[in-house]
Amino acid sequence: MASLNPESVDLAALADVLRAKLGDRVVGDVVARTKMRDAIADHLRCSELEAELLTDTMVGRGFVTRHVATDGTVSWILKVEES
């Protein structure tokens, strides 16, 4: 497996891929992040570590946001890019 250059990844396009695979909202705190990581690793054919770093980057740059409902349910919302 070749090493992934994270700078070469279009995060908006990756968010679109995640939305297509997982939906607009992924429920669960750790479970949802694991689903996103696994979907990224599968799509980019990268390691889980590289996919986890990309997940963190997407959260840090606002492509994915954490939402806690009044009942305590945690969801991760995938941002839709406005054109």
Protein backbone atom coordinates (compact mmCIF):
# COMPACT_ATOMS: atom_id res chain seq x y z
CA MET A 1 0.00 0.00 0.00
CA ALA A 2 1.45 3.33 -1.06
CA SER A 3 1.60 6.16 1.44
CA LEU A 4 -1.19 8.71 1.12
CA ASN A 5 -0.40 12.40 0.74
CA PRO A 6 -3.17 14.04 2.82
CA GLU A 7 -2.59 17.37 1.09
CA SER A 8 -3.69 15.80 -2.20
CA VAL A 9 -7.14 14.83 -0.87
CA ASP A 10 -10.10 17.03 -1.81
CA LEU A 11 -11.97 17.07 1.51
CA ALA A 12 -15.19 18.43 -0.01
CA ALA A 13 -15.24 15.57 -2.52
CA LEU A 14 -14.44 13.11 0.25
CA ALA A 15 -17.38 14.47 2.28
CA ASP A 16 -19.59 13.83 -0.78
CA VAL A 17 -18.34 10.22 -0.90
CA LEU A 18 -19.07 9.75 2.80
CA ARG A 19 -22.56 11.22 2.40
CA ALA A 20 -23.25 8.83 -0.49
CA LYS A 21 -22.07 5.84 1.58
CA LEU A 22 -23.30 6.78 5.05
CA GLY A 23 -25.97 9.48 4.69
CA ASP A 24 -26.01 13.09 5.91
CA ARG A 25 -25.85 12.13 9.59
CA VAL A 26 -23.98 9.25 11.19
CA VAL A 27 -25.26 8.32 14.66
CA GLY A 28 -22.96 7.36 17.51
CA ASP A 29 -19.89 9.00 18.91
CA VAL A 30 -17.07 6.51 18.47
CA VAL A 31 -19.05 4.11 16.26
CA ALA A 32 -19.82 6.84 13.71
CA ARG A 33 -16.21 7.99 13.56
CA THR A 34 -15.18 4.38 13.00
CA LYS A 35 -17.69 4.08 10.15
CA MET A 36 -16.33 7.27 8.56
CA ARG A 37 -12.73 6.10 9.00
CA ASP A 38 -13.51 2.72 7.44
CA ALA A 39 -15.37 4.32 4.51
CA ILE A 40 -12.42 6.65 3.87
CA ALA A 41 -9.90 3.78 4.07
CA ASP A 42 -12.01 1.75 1.65
CA HIS A 43 -12.53 4.62 -0.80
CA LEU A 44 -8.92 5.83 -0.84
CA ARG A 45 -7.36 2.40 -0.26
CA CYS A 46 -5.27 3.84 2.55
CA SER A 47 -4.43 2.61 6.02
CA GLU A 48 -6.79 3.01 8.97
CA LEU A 49 -4.29 5.42 10.54
CA GLU A 50 -4.23 7.62 7.42
CA ALA A 51 -8.04 7.48 7.25
CA GLU A 52 -8.28 8.43 10.94
CA LEU A 53 -6.01 11.42 10.34
CA LEU A 54 -8.21 12.47 7.41
CA THR A 55 -11.31 12.09 9.61
CA ASP A 56 -9.68 14.36 12.21
CA THR A 57 -8.77 16.87 9.50
CA MET A 58 -12.34 16.87 8.16
CA VAL A 59 -13.67 17.55 11.67
CA GLY A 60 -11.07 20.27 12.27
CA ARG A 61 -11.90 22.02 9.00
CA GLY A 62 -15.65 21.84 9.49
CA PHE A 63 -16.55 19.24 6.86
CA VAL A 64 -17.93 17.06 9.66
CA THR A 65 -19.52 18.45 12.82
CA ARG A 66 -20.50 16.77 16.08
CA HIS A 67 -24.08 17.27 17.27
CA VAL A 68 -25.49 16.20 20.63
CA ALA A 69 -29.28 15.93 20.81
CA THR A 70 -31.23 16.83 23.95
CA ASP A 71 -31.48 13.11 24.77
CA GLY A 72 -27.67 12.81 24.64
CA THR A 73 -27.52 11.02 21.27
CA VAL A 74 -24.37 11.98 19.39
CA SER A 75 -24.41 12.39 15.62
CA TRP A 76 -21.78 13.47 13.14
CA ILE A 77 -23.19 15.68 10.40
CA LEU A 78 -21.53 15.79 7.00
CA LYS A 79 -21.51 19.32 5.64
CA VAL A 80 -22.92 19.97 2.19
CA GLU A 81 -20.69 22.28 0.15
CA GLU A 82 -22.55 25.27 -1.22
CA SER A 83 -21.77 26.20 -4.80
